[in-house]
N, C-alpha and C. Protein backbone atom coordinates (compact mmCIF):
# COMPACT_ATOMS: atom_id res chain seq x y z
N MET A 1 -7.95 17.99 24.91
CA MET A 1 -9.05 17.05 24.80
C MET A 1 -8.53 15.65 25.06
N GLU A 2 -9.17 14.90 25.91
CA GLU A 2 -8.81 13.52 26.21
C GLU A 2 -9.34 12.62 25.10
N THR A 3 -8.61 11.55 24.81
CA THR A 3 -9.05 10.64 23.77
C THR A 3 -8.76 9.21 24.18
N THR A 4 -9.51 8.29 23.63
CA THR A 4 -9.29 6.88 23.93
C THR A 4 -8.42 6.22 22.87
N LEU A 5 -8.06 6.96 21.83
CA LEU A 5 -7.24 6.39 20.77
C LEU A 5 -5.81 6.20 21.25
N LYS A 6 -5.22 5.07 20.88
CA LYS A 6 -3.86 4.76 21.32
C LYS A 6 -2.85 5.70 20.68
N THR A 7 -1.76 5.94 21.39
CA THR A 7 -0.76 6.86 20.87
C THR A 7 0.63 6.25 20.78
N THR A 8 0.83 5.01 21.22
CA THR A 8 2.14 4.39 21.20
C THR A 8 2.23 3.35 20.08
N PRO A 9 3.21 3.48 19.16
CA PRO A 9 3.33 2.47 18.10
C PRO A 9 3.63 1.09 18.68
N ILE A 10 2.86 0.08 18.25
CA ILE A 10 3.09 -1.27 18.73
C ILE A 10 3.18 -2.29 17.60
N ASN A 11 2.79 -1.93 16.40
CA ASN A 11 2.78 -2.87 15.29
C ASN A 11 3.90 -2.52 14.32
N THR A 12 5.00 -3.27 14.41
CA THR A 12 6.17 -2.96 13.58
C THR A 12 6.00 -3.36 12.12
N ALA A 13 4.96 -4.11 11.79
CA ALA A 13 4.69 -4.48 10.39
C ALA A 13 4.14 -3.29 9.61
N ILE A 14 3.62 -2.30 10.30
CA ILE A 14 2.97 -1.15 9.65
C ILE A 14 3.93 0.04 9.65
N PRO A 15 4.16 0.66 8.49
CA PRO A 15 5.04 1.83 8.44
C PRO A 15 4.54 2.95 9.34
N ALA A 16 5.46 3.70 9.91
CA ALA A 16 5.13 4.77 10.85
C ALA A 16 4.27 5.86 10.22
N ASP A 17 4.34 6.02 8.88
CA ASP A 17 3.58 7.10 8.24
C ASP A 17 2.20 6.65 7.76
N ALA A 18 1.81 5.40 8.03
CA ALA A 18 0.48 4.92 7.61
C ALA A 18 -0.56 5.42 8.59
N ARG A 19 -1.48 6.24 8.09
CA ARG A 19 -2.49 6.80 8.98
C ARG A 19 -3.76 7.14 8.22
N ILE A 20 -4.84 7.32 8.97
CA ILE A 20 -6.14 7.66 8.40
C ILE A 20 -6.75 8.81 9.21
N PHE A 21 -7.60 9.60 8.53
CA PHE A 21 -8.35 10.62 9.26
C PHE A 21 -9.73 10.05 9.52
N VAL A 22 -10.06 9.90 10.81
CA VAL A 22 -11.30 9.24 11.24
C VAL A 22 -12.29 10.27 11.74
N THR A 23 -13.50 10.14 11.25
CA THR A 23 -14.64 10.89 11.77
C THR A 23 -15.85 9.97 11.63
N ASP A 24 -17.04 10.52 11.67
CA ASP A 24 -18.24 9.69 11.53
C ASP A 24 -19.27 10.42 10.68
N TYR A 25 -20.18 9.65 10.10
CA TYR A 25 -21.17 10.22 9.18
C TYR A 25 -22.15 11.16 9.88
N ALA A 26 -22.55 10.86 11.09
CA ALA A 26 -23.50 11.74 11.79
C ALA A 26 -22.88 13.11 12.04
N SER A 27 -21.62 13.12 12.47
CA SER A 27 -20.93 14.41 12.69
C SER A 27 -20.76 15.14 11.36
N TYR A 28 -20.44 14.38 10.31
CA TYR A 28 -20.29 14.97 8.97
C TYR A 28 -21.59 15.65 8.55
N ASN A 29 -22.71 14.95 8.76
CA ASN A 29 -24.00 15.51 8.37
C ASN A 29 -24.35 16.76 9.16
N GLU A 30 -23.83 16.88 10.38
CA GLU A 30 -24.04 18.07 11.19
C GLU A 30 -23.00 19.15 10.94
N GLY A 31 -21.96 18.81 10.18
CA GLY A 31 -20.90 19.78 9.90
C GLY A 31 -19.89 19.89 11.03
N THR A 32 -19.84 18.90 11.91
CA THR A 32 -18.91 18.95 13.06
C THR A 32 -17.86 17.84 12.98
N GLN A 33 -17.62 17.32 11.80
CA GLN A 33 -16.72 16.17 11.67
C GLN A 33 -15.29 16.45 12.11
N PHE A 34 -14.87 17.71 12.11
CA PHE A 34 -13.48 18.02 12.48
C PHE A 34 -13.33 18.32 13.97
N GLU A 35 -14.44 18.50 14.67
CA GLU A 35 -14.36 18.80 16.10
C GLU A 35 -13.76 17.63 16.87
N PHE A 36 -14.20 16.42 16.57
CA PHE A 36 -13.65 15.24 17.25
C PHE A 36 -12.97 14.28 16.28
N GLY A 37 -12.99 14.58 14.99
CA GLY A 37 -12.26 13.76 14.03
C GLY A 37 -10.77 13.99 14.20
N GLN A 38 -9.98 12.98 13.85
CA GLN A 38 -8.53 13.13 14.02
C GLN A 38 -7.76 12.11 13.20
N TRP A 39 -6.47 12.42 13.02
CA TRP A 39 -5.55 11.49 12.36
C TRP A 39 -5.22 10.36 13.32
N VAL A 40 -5.23 9.14 12.82
CA VAL A 40 -4.93 7.96 13.62
C VAL A 40 -3.81 7.18 12.93
N ASN A 41 -2.73 6.97 13.66
CA ASN A 41 -1.59 6.21 13.15
C ASN A 41 -1.90 4.73 13.26
N LEU A 42 -1.87 4.01 12.14
CA LEU A 42 -2.25 2.60 12.13
C LEU A 42 -1.26 1.71 12.87
N ALA A 43 -0.01 2.14 12.98
CA ALA A 43 1.00 1.35 13.68
C ALA A 43 0.74 1.28 15.18
N HIS A 44 -0.22 2.03 15.65
CA HIS A 44 -0.56 2.02 17.07
C HIS A 44 -1.51 0.88 17.43
N PHE A 45 -1.85 0.05 16.44
CA PHE A 45 -2.85 -0.99 16.67
C PHE A 45 -2.33 -2.35 16.22
N GLU A 46 -2.60 -3.33 17.05
CA GLU A 46 -2.14 -4.70 16.81
C GLU A 46 -2.94 -5.36 15.68
N SER A 47 -4.21 -5.01 15.54
CA SER A 47 -5.07 -5.67 14.56
C SER A 47 -6.16 -4.71 14.08
N ALA A 48 -6.87 -5.13 13.03
CA ALA A 48 -7.99 -4.35 12.51
C ALA A 48 -9.10 -4.25 13.55
N GLU A 49 -9.33 -5.34 14.28
CA GLU A 49 -10.36 -5.34 15.32
C GLU A 49 -10.00 -4.34 16.43
N ASP A 50 -8.73 -4.30 16.79
CA ASP A 50 -8.25 -3.38 17.81
C ASP A 50 -8.48 -1.93 17.38
N LEU A 51 -8.16 -1.63 16.12
CA LEU A 51 -8.37 -0.29 15.58
C LEU A 51 -9.86 0.08 15.60
N THR A 52 -10.70 -0.82 15.09
CA THR A 52 -12.13 -0.55 15.04
C THR A 52 -12.70 -0.31 16.43
N GLN A 53 -12.32 -1.15 17.38
CA GLN A 53 -12.83 -1.00 18.75
C GLN A 53 -12.39 0.33 19.36
N ASN A 54 -11.17 0.72 19.12
CA ASN A 54 -10.69 2.00 19.65
C ASN A 54 -11.40 3.18 19.03
N ILE A 55 -11.71 3.09 17.75
CA ILE A 55 -12.48 4.16 17.09
C ILE A 55 -13.87 4.25 17.71
N LEU A 56 -14.52 3.11 17.89
CA LEU A 56 -15.86 3.11 18.48
C LEU A 56 -15.83 3.61 19.93
N ASP A 57 -14.78 3.25 20.67
CA ASP A 57 -14.63 3.78 22.03
C ASP A 57 -14.46 5.30 22.00
N HIS A 58 -13.71 5.79 21.02
CA HIS A 58 -13.53 7.23 20.87
C HIS A 58 -14.87 7.91 20.56
N PHE A 59 -15.68 7.29 19.71
CA PHE A 59 -17.00 7.85 19.40
C PHE A 59 -17.87 7.91 20.66
N SER A 60 -17.82 6.88 21.48
CA SER A 60 -18.59 6.88 22.73
C SER A 60 -18.15 8.03 23.63
N TYR A 61 -16.83 8.21 23.71
CA TYR A 61 -16.29 9.33 24.50
C TYR A 61 -16.82 10.67 23.95
N CYS A 62 -16.78 10.81 22.63
CA CYS A 62 -17.26 12.06 22.00
C CYS A 62 -18.74 12.28 22.29
N ASP A 63 -19.54 11.19 22.26
CA ASP A 63 -20.97 11.30 22.56
C ASP A 63 -21.20 11.77 24.00
N THR A 64 -20.33 11.35 24.90
CA THR A 64 -20.45 11.76 26.30
C THR A 64 -20.07 13.23 26.48
N VAL A 65 -18.97 13.64 25.84
CA VAL A 65 -18.47 15.01 25.98
C VAL A 65 -19.36 16.01 25.26
N ARG A 66 -19.76 15.68 24.05
CA ARG A 66 -20.59 16.58 23.26
C ARG A 66 -21.52 15.79 22.35
N PRO A 67 -22.71 15.48 22.84
CA PRO A 67 -23.67 14.74 22.01
C PRO A 67 -24.04 15.54 20.76
N LEU A 68 -24.36 14.84 19.72
CA LEU A 68 -24.78 15.50 18.48
C LEU A 68 -26.16 16.12 18.65
N GLU A 69 -26.41 17.24 17.97
CA GLU A 69 -27.69 17.93 18.07
C GLU A 69 -28.84 17.06 17.57
N CYS A 70 -28.55 16.19 16.61
CA CYS A 70 -29.60 15.33 16.06
C CYS A 70 -29.99 14.21 17.02
N GLY A 71 -29.19 14.01 18.08
CA GLY A 71 -29.52 13.02 19.09
C GLY A 71 -29.06 11.60 18.79
N THR A 72 -28.50 11.37 17.63
CA THR A 72 -28.03 10.02 17.30
C THR A 72 -26.60 9.83 17.80
N PRO A 73 -26.24 8.60 18.12
CA PRO A 73 -24.86 8.35 18.54
C PRO A 73 -23.93 8.32 17.31
N ARG A 74 -22.66 8.57 17.56
CA ARG A 74 -21.65 8.43 16.52
C ARG A 74 -21.32 6.94 16.42
N GLU A 75 -21.62 6.33 15.29
CA GLU A 75 -21.35 4.90 15.17
C GLU A 75 -20.87 4.46 13.80
N GLU A 76 -21.14 5.25 12.78
CA GLU A 76 -20.70 4.88 11.44
C GLU A 76 -19.35 5.52 11.15
N ILE A 77 -18.32 4.69 11.03
CA ILE A 77 -16.97 5.19 10.80
C ILE A 77 -16.86 5.76 9.39
N MET A 78 -16.24 6.92 9.31
CA MET A 78 -16.02 7.59 8.02
C MET A 78 -14.54 7.98 7.95
N ILE A 79 -13.87 7.51 6.91
CA ILE A 79 -12.46 7.83 6.70
C ILE A 79 -12.40 8.86 5.58
N THR A 80 -11.91 10.06 5.91
CA THR A 80 -11.93 11.13 4.91
C THR A 80 -10.58 11.41 4.27
N ASP A 81 -9.51 10.78 4.77
CA ASP A 81 -8.19 10.98 4.17
C ASP A 81 -7.27 9.85 4.64
N PHE A 82 -6.16 9.68 3.95
CA PHE A 82 -5.22 8.62 4.32
C PHE A 82 -3.82 8.99 3.85
N GLU A 83 -2.83 8.35 4.44
CA GLU A 83 -1.43 8.51 4.03
C GLU A 83 -0.68 7.22 4.34
N GLY A 84 0.35 6.93 3.56
CA GLY A 84 1.28 5.87 3.90
C GLY A 84 0.87 4.46 3.53
N PHE A 85 -0.15 4.31 2.69
CA PHE A 85 -0.50 2.98 2.19
C PHE A 85 -1.15 3.13 0.81
N PRO A 86 -1.20 2.03 0.03
CA PRO A 86 -1.70 2.12 -1.34
C PRO A 86 -3.14 2.64 -1.42
N ALA A 87 -3.36 3.50 -2.39
CA ALA A 87 -4.69 4.11 -2.58
C ALA A 87 -5.76 3.06 -2.85
N ALA A 88 -5.38 1.90 -3.36
CA ALA A 88 -6.35 0.85 -3.65
C ALA A 88 -7.11 0.41 -2.40
N PHE A 89 -6.55 0.62 -1.23
CA PHE A 89 -7.22 0.23 0.01
C PHE A 89 -8.18 1.30 0.52
N TYR A 90 -8.00 2.53 0.07
CA TYR A 90 -8.78 3.63 0.64
C TYR A 90 -10.23 3.61 0.18
N ASP A 91 -11.10 3.85 1.13
CA ASP A 91 -12.52 4.04 0.88
C ASP A 91 -13.07 4.73 2.13
N GLU A 92 -14.08 5.55 1.97
CA GLU A 92 -14.67 6.19 3.15
C GLU A 92 -15.16 5.17 4.17
N CYS A 93 -15.59 4.02 3.69
CA CYS A 93 -16.10 2.95 4.56
C CYS A 93 -15.18 1.74 4.50
N MET A 94 -13.89 1.97 4.45
CA MET A 94 -12.94 0.90 4.20
C MET A 94 -12.95 -0.19 5.27
N ASP A 95 -12.66 -1.39 4.80
CA ASP A 95 -12.49 -2.55 5.67
C ASP A 95 -11.02 -2.58 6.08
N PHE A 96 -10.75 -2.55 7.36
CA PHE A 96 -9.37 -2.49 7.84
C PHE A 96 -8.65 -3.84 7.77
N GLU A 97 -9.40 -4.92 7.75
CA GLU A 97 -8.79 -6.26 7.80
C GLU A 97 -7.83 -6.52 6.62
N PRO A 98 -8.23 -6.30 5.37
CA PRO A 98 -7.29 -6.54 4.26
C PRO A 98 -6.05 -5.65 4.34
N LEU A 99 -6.21 -4.43 4.83
CA LEU A 99 -5.07 -3.52 4.96
C LEU A 99 -4.07 -4.05 5.98
N PHE A 100 -4.55 -4.52 7.11
CA PHE A 100 -3.65 -5.09 8.11
C PHE A 100 -2.99 -6.37 7.59
N GLU A 101 -3.73 -7.20 6.83
CA GLU A 101 -3.15 -8.40 6.21
C GLU A 101 -2.06 -8.00 5.22
N TYR A 102 -2.33 -6.96 4.44
CA TYR A 102 -1.35 -6.47 3.46
C TYR A 102 -0.05 -6.05 4.17
N PHE A 103 -0.17 -5.27 5.23
CA PHE A 103 1.03 -4.83 5.94
C PHE A 103 1.80 -6.02 6.53
N GLU A 104 1.09 -6.99 7.05
CA GLU A 104 1.73 -8.17 7.63
C GLU A 104 2.50 -8.93 6.56
N ARG A 105 1.87 -9.14 5.42
CA ARG A 105 2.54 -9.86 4.33
C ARG A 105 3.69 -9.04 3.75
N ALA A 106 3.50 -7.74 3.62
CA ALA A 106 4.55 -6.87 3.07
C ALA A 106 5.79 -6.90 3.96
N SER A 107 5.60 -6.98 5.27
CA SER A 107 6.74 -6.97 6.16
C SER A 107 7.46 -8.31 6.21
N SER A 108 6.81 -9.38 5.76
CA SER A 108 7.42 -10.71 5.85
C SER A 108 7.70 -11.35 4.49
N CYS A 109 7.45 -10.66 3.40
CA CYS A 109 7.57 -11.28 2.07
C CYS A 109 9.00 -11.34 1.54
N GLY A 110 9.91 -10.61 2.15
CA GLY A 110 11.30 -10.63 1.69
C GLY A 110 11.64 -9.51 0.71
N TYR A 111 10.67 -8.73 0.32
CA TYR A 111 10.91 -7.60 -0.58
C TYR A 111 10.83 -6.30 0.21
N ASP A 112 11.62 -5.31 -0.20
CA ASP A 112 11.52 -3.99 0.41
C ASP A 112 10.12 -3.44 0.12
N LEU A 113 9.63 -2.61 1.03
CA LEU A 113 8.31 -2.01 0.87
C LEU A 113 8.22 -1.20 -0.43
N GLU A 114 9.33 -0.62 -0.84
CA GLU A 114 9.38 0.15 -2.10
C GLU A 114 8.99 -0.74 -3.29
N ILE A 115 9.44 -1.99 -3.31
CA ILE A 115 9.13 -2.92 -4.39
C ILE A 115 7.65 -3.30 -4.33
N VAL A 116 7.16 -3.59 -3.14
CA VAL A 116 5.75 -3.95 -2.97
C VAL A 116 4.86 -2.80 -3.42
N GLU A 117 5.21 -1.58 -3.04
CA GLU A 117 4.41 -0.42 -3.43
C GLU A 117 4.46 -0.17 -4.94
N ALA A 118 5.61 -0.41 -5.56
CA ALA A 118 5.71 -0.27 -7.02
C ALA A 118 4.78 -1.26 -7.70
N PHE A 119 4.76 -2.50 -7.23
CA PHE A 119 3.88 -3.52 -7.80
C PHE A 119 2.41 -3.14 -7.59
N THR A 120 2.12 -2.56 -6.44
CA THR A 120 0.76 -2.11 -6.15
C THR A 120 0.33 -1.03 -7.14
N LYS A 121 1.22 -0.10 -7.45
CA LYS A 121 0.90 1.01 -8.36
C LYS A 121 0.57 0.53 -9.76
N LEU A 122 1.11 -0.62 -10.16
CA LEU A 122 0.80 -1.14 -11.49
C LEU A 122 -0.70 -1.39 -11.65
N GLY A 123 -1.35 -1.80 -10.55
CA GLY A 123 -2.79 -2.01 -10.57
C GLY A 123 -3.23 -3.27 -11.29
N ASN A 124 -2.31 -4.20 -11.53
CA ASN A 124 -2.66 -5.42 -12.25
C ASN A 124 -3.37 -6.44 -11.38
N TYR A 125 -3.22 -6.33 -10.07
CA TYR A 125 -3.83 -7.27 -9.14
C TYR A 125 -4.53 -6.50 -8.04
N LYS A 126 -5.64 -7.04 -7.57
CA LYS A 126 -6.35 -6.42 -6.46
C LYS A 126 -5.56 -6.67 -5.19
N VAL A 127 -5.15 -5.61 -4.54
CA VAL A 127 -4.38 -5.77 -3.32
C VAL A 127 -5.23 -6.32 -2.19
N GLU A 128 -6.55 -6.21 -2.31
CA GLU A 128 -7.42 -6.74 -1.27
C GLU A 128 -7.34 -8.26 -1.20
N ASP A 129 -7.02 -8.92 -2.33
CA ASP A 129 -6.78 -10.37 -2.32
C ASP A 129 -5.30 -10.56 -2.05
N VAL A 130 -4.95 -10.51 -0.79
CA VAL A 130 -3.56 -10.45 -0.35
C VAL A 130 -2.75 -11.64 -0.85
N ASP A 131 -3.30 -12.84 -0.77
CA ASP A 131 -2.56 -14.03 -1.20
C ASP A 131 -2.24 -13.99 -2.69
N GLU A 132 -3.23 -13.70 -3.51
CA GLU A 132 -3.01 -13.63 -4.96
C GLU A 132 -2.01 -12.52 -5.30
N PHE A 133 -2.15 -11.39 -4.64
CA PHE A 133 -1.27 -10.25 -4.90
C PHE A 133 0.19 -10.62 -4.64
N PHE A 134 0.48 -11.19 -3.46
CA PHE A 134 1.87 -11.50 -3.12
C PHE A 134 2.41 -12.69 -3.90
N ASP A 135 1.55 -13.64 -4.27
CA ASP A 135 1.99 -14.73 -5.15
C ASP A 135 2.42 -14.17 -6.51
N ALA A 136 1.63 -13.25 -7.04
CA ALA A 136 1.96 -12.63 -8.33
C ALA A 136 3.24 -11.81 -8.23
N LEU A 137 3.43 -11.10 -7.14
CA LEU A 137 4.65 -10.33 -6.93
C LEU A 137 5.86 -11.26 -6.95
N GLU A 138 5.77 -12.34 -6.20
CA GLU A 138 6.87 -13.31 -6.12
C GLU A 138 7.21 -13.88 -7.50
N GLU A 139 6.18 -14.16 -8.27
CA GLU A 139 6.38 -14.77 -9.59
C GLU A 139 6.91 -13.78 -10.63
N SER A 140 6.60 -12.51 -10.48
CA SER A 140 6.89 -11.58 -11.57
C SER A 140 8.05 -10.61 -11.33
N TYR A 141 8.52 -10.44 -10.09
CA TYR A 141 9.56 -9.43 -9.86
C TYR A 141 10.85 -9.83 -10.56
N SER A 142 11.42 -8.89 -11.33
CA SER A 142 12.61 -9.17 -12.12
C SER A 142 13.81 -8.30 -11.76
N GLY A 143 13.65 -7.34 -10.87
CA GLY A 143 14.79 -6.55 -10.44
C GLY A 143 14.59 -5.06 -10.61
N GLU A 144 15.62 -4.32 -10.19
CA GLU A 144 15.61 -2.86 -10.29
C GLU A 144 16.70 -2.44 -11.26
N PHE A 145 16.34 -1.57 -12.20
CA PHE A 145 17.28 -1.12 -13.21
C PHE A 145 17.06 0.36 -13.48
N SER A 146 18.09 1.03 -13.97
CA SER A 146 17.98 2.47 -14.20
C SER A 146 17.21 2.79 -15.48
N ASN A 147 17.14 1.84 -16.42
CA ASN A 147 16.38 2.07 -17.64
C ASN A 147 16.08 0.74 -18.34
N ASP A 148 15.24 0.79 -19.36
CA ASP A 148 14.83 -0.42 -20.07
C ASP A 148 16.01 -1.11 -20.77
N GLN A 149 16.96 -0.33 -21.28
CA GLN A 149 18.11 -0.92 -21.97
C GLN A 149 18.97 -1.74 -21.01
N ASP A 150 19.20 -1.21 -19.81
CA ASP A 150 19.96 -1.97 -18.81
C ASP A 150 19.23 -3.25 -18.45
N PHE A 151 17.92 -3.17 -18.36
CA PHE A 151 17.11 -4.35 -18.06
C PHE A 151 17.25 -5.39 -19.17
N ALA A 152 17.15 -4.95 -20.42
CA ALA A 152 17.27 -5.87 -21.56
C ALA A 152 18.66 -6.52 -21.59
N TYR A 153 19.69 -5.76 -21.33
CA TYR A 153 21.06 -6.29 -21.31
C TYR A 153 21.19 -7.35 -20.21
N ASP A 154 20.66 -7.06 -19.03
CA ASP A 154 20.71 -8.01 -17.92
C ASP A 154 19.95 -9.29 -18.27
N MET A 155 18.79 -9.16 -18.89
CA MET A 155 18.01 -10.34 -19.28
C MET A 155 18.79 -11.19 -20.28
N ALA A 156 19.46 -10.55 -21.23
CA ALA A 156 20.26 -11.29 -22.21
C ALA A 156 21.40 -12.03 -21.51
N GLU A 157 22.01 -11.39 -20.52
CA GLU A 157 23.08 -12.05 -19.75
C GLU A 157 22.53 -13.25 -18.97
N GLN A 158 21.39 -13.06 -18.32
CA GLN A 158 20.79 -14.15 -17.53
C GLN A 158 20.41 -15.34 -18.40
N CYS A 159 20.01 -15.07 -19.63
CA CYS A 159 19.62 -16.15 -20.55
C CYS A 159 20.83 -16.82 -21.18
N GLY A 160 22.02 -16.29 -20.92
CA GLY A 160 23.23 -16.86 -21.50
C GLY A 160 23.45 -16.48 -22.95
N ASP A 161 22.80 -15.44 -23.39
CA ASP A 161 22.90 -15.02 -24.78
C ASP A 161 24.10 -14.12 -25.05
N LEU A 162 24.83 -13.75 -24.01
CA LEU A 162 26.02 -12.90 -24.18
C LEU A 162 27.25 -13.68 -23.72
N GLN A 163 28.33 -13.48 -24.44
CA GLN A 163 29.59 -14.12 -24.06
C GLN A 163 30.29 -13.24 -23.03
N ASP A 164 31.25 -13.86 -22.30
CA ASP A 164 32.01 -13.09 -21.32
C ASP A 164 32.75 -11.93 -21.97
N LYS A 165 33.38 -12.20 -23.11
CA LYS A 165 34.06 -11.14 -23.88
C LYS A 165 33.22 -10.84 -25.10
N LEU A 166 32.62 -9.68 -25.08
CA LEU A 166 31.77 -9.33 -26.22
C LEU A 166 32.63 -8.97 -27.43
N SER A 167 32.23 -9.51 -28.55
CA SER A 167 32.86 -9.16 -29.81
C SER A 167 31.76 -8.99 -30.85
N TRP A 168 32.17 -8.53 -32.02
CA TRP A 168 31.19 -8.36 -33.09
C TRP A 168 30.52 -9.70 -33.34
N PRO A 169 29.24 -9.83 -33.52
CA PRO A 169 28.21 -8.81 -33.71
C PRO A 169 27.53 -8.38 -32.41
N HIS A 170 27.91 -8.99 -31.27
CA HIS A 170 27.25 -8.65 -30.00
C HIS A 170 27.48 -7.20 -29.59
N THR A 171 28.56 -6.60 -30.04
CA THR A 171 28.81 -5.20 -29.70
C THR A 171 27.96 -4.25 -30.54
N CYS A 172 27.23 -4.79 -31.50
CA CYS A 172 26.41 -3.95 -32.40
C CYS A 172 24.91 -4.07 -32.12
N ILE A 173 24.56 -4.65 -31.01
CA ILE A 173 23.14 -4.83 -30.70
C ILE A 173 22.50 -3.48 -30.37
N ASP A 174 21.34 -3.24 -30.94
CA ASP A 174 20.56 -2.04 -30.64
C ASP A 174 19.76 -2.33 -29.37
N TRP A 175 20.33 -1.97 -28.21
CA TRP A 175 19.70 -2.29 -26.94
C TRP A 175 18.40 -1.53 -26.72
N LYS A 176 18.27 -0.40 -27.37
CA LYS A 176 17.02 0.35 -27.27
C LYS A 176 15.89 -0.43 -27.94
N GLN A 177 16.16 -0.96 -29.12
CA GLN A 177 15.16 -1.77 -29.83
C GLN A 177 14.91 -3.08 -29.08
N ALA A 178 15.97 -3.71 -28.58
CA ALA A 178 15.81 -4.96 -27.83
C ALA A 178 14.93 -4.71 -26.59
N ALA A 179 15.15 -3.60 -25.92
CA ALA A 179 14.36 -3.26 -24.74
C ALA A 179 12.90 -3.01 -25.11
N ARG A 180 12.68 -2.31 -26.22
CA ARG A 180 11.32 -2.02 -26.66
C ARG A 180 10.54 -3.32 -26.87
N GLU A 181 11.18 -4.30 -27.51
CA GLU A 181 10.52 -5.58 -27.76
C GLU A 181 10.32 -6.36 -26.46
N LEU A 182 11.31 -6.35 -25.59
CA LEU A 182 11.21 -7.06 -24.32
C LEU A 182 10.10 -6.50 -23.45
N MET A 183 9.88 -5.21 -23.51
CA MET A 183 8.90 -4.56 -22.64
C MET A 183 7.45 -4.89 -23.03
N PHE A 184 7.25 -5.62 -24.13
CA PHE A 184 5.90 -6.12 -24.42
C PHE A 184 5.48 -7.14 -23.37
N ASP A 185 6.47 -7.77 -22.72
CA ASP A 185 6.20 -8.82 -21.74
C ASP A 185 6.51 -8.41 -20.31
N TYR A 186 6.86 -7.14 -20.09
CA TYR A 186 7.24 -6.68 -18.76
C TYR A 186 6.63 -5.31 -18.49
N TYR A 187 6.53 -5.00 -17.20
CA TYR A 187 6.09 -3.68 -16.76
C TYR A 187 7.20 -3.05 -15.94
N GLU A 188 7.27 -1.73 -15.99
CA GLU A 188 8.24 -0.99 -15.16
C GLU A 188 7.47 -0.01 -14.30
N GLN A 189 7.83 0.06 -13.02
CA GLN A 189 7.24 1.04 -12.12
C GLN A 189 8.30 1.49 -11.13
N ASP A 190 8.61 2.78 -11.14
CA ASP A 190 9.58 3.36 -10.20
C ASP A 190 10.93 2.65 -10.26
N GLY A 191 11.35 2.23 -11.46
CA GLY A 191 12.65 1.57 -11.63
C GLY A 191 12.63 0.08 -11.36
N HIS A 192 11.50 -0.47 -10.99
CA HIS A 192 11.36 -1.91 -10.72
C HIS A 192 10.66 -2.57 -11.90
N TYR A 193 11.13 -3.75 -12.25
CA TYR A 193 10.61 -4.46 -13.42
C TYR A 193 9.88 -5.73 -13.00
N PHE A 194 8.73 -5.95 -13.65
CA PHE A 194 7.87 -7.08 -13.33
C PHE A 194 7.45 -7.77 -14.62
N ARG A 195 7.51 -9.09 -14.62
CA ARG A 195 7.07 -9.85 -15.78
C ARG A 195 5.53 -9.85 -15.79
N ALA A 196 4.97 -9.69 -16.96
CA ALA A 196 3.50 -9.74 -17.11
C ALA A 196 3.09 -11.19 -16.94
N CYS A 197 2.22 -11.44 -15.99
CA CYS A 197 1.79 -12.82 -15.71
C CYS A 197 0.51 -13.14 -16.45
């Protein structure tokens, strides 16, 4: 089957595994959504407008090859599945613009995508407000640690509360309790720690 959807990755800001399953509501209502519906890799598109136009061009092609029995054109985009980006962006009628802005900022913010995705999973900020989301990330990221106790110890070191050579009573600190109290002001996600803003 010939398609008008692009197949060559051109947008390096978007991870290679970011994709959506595209179909349309008219085909869905007829039960034929999988006949011309397909997975679309988002990295194949320079912008949200480019993606939308290519989807609509694909619908026009589908209307030419096999018109719907109901006689209506395929025009309402329906996204039935997704992979490779935060679930907060997914919607059957999703707006692609904030998602493309998110990928652009994620690739240029200075943090690994793993850190950005961990912050996204916390759900404390709407990822659709890209500026607020990345400002909050910048302000709150505190590092990666294997557990809360290691995080608490590192925070005590950063604050200058530990001497170079630990001696009593510093060797008797209950780091588990210290971590428990510290975590009232911090969040942990996938080993990454964020200050509650």
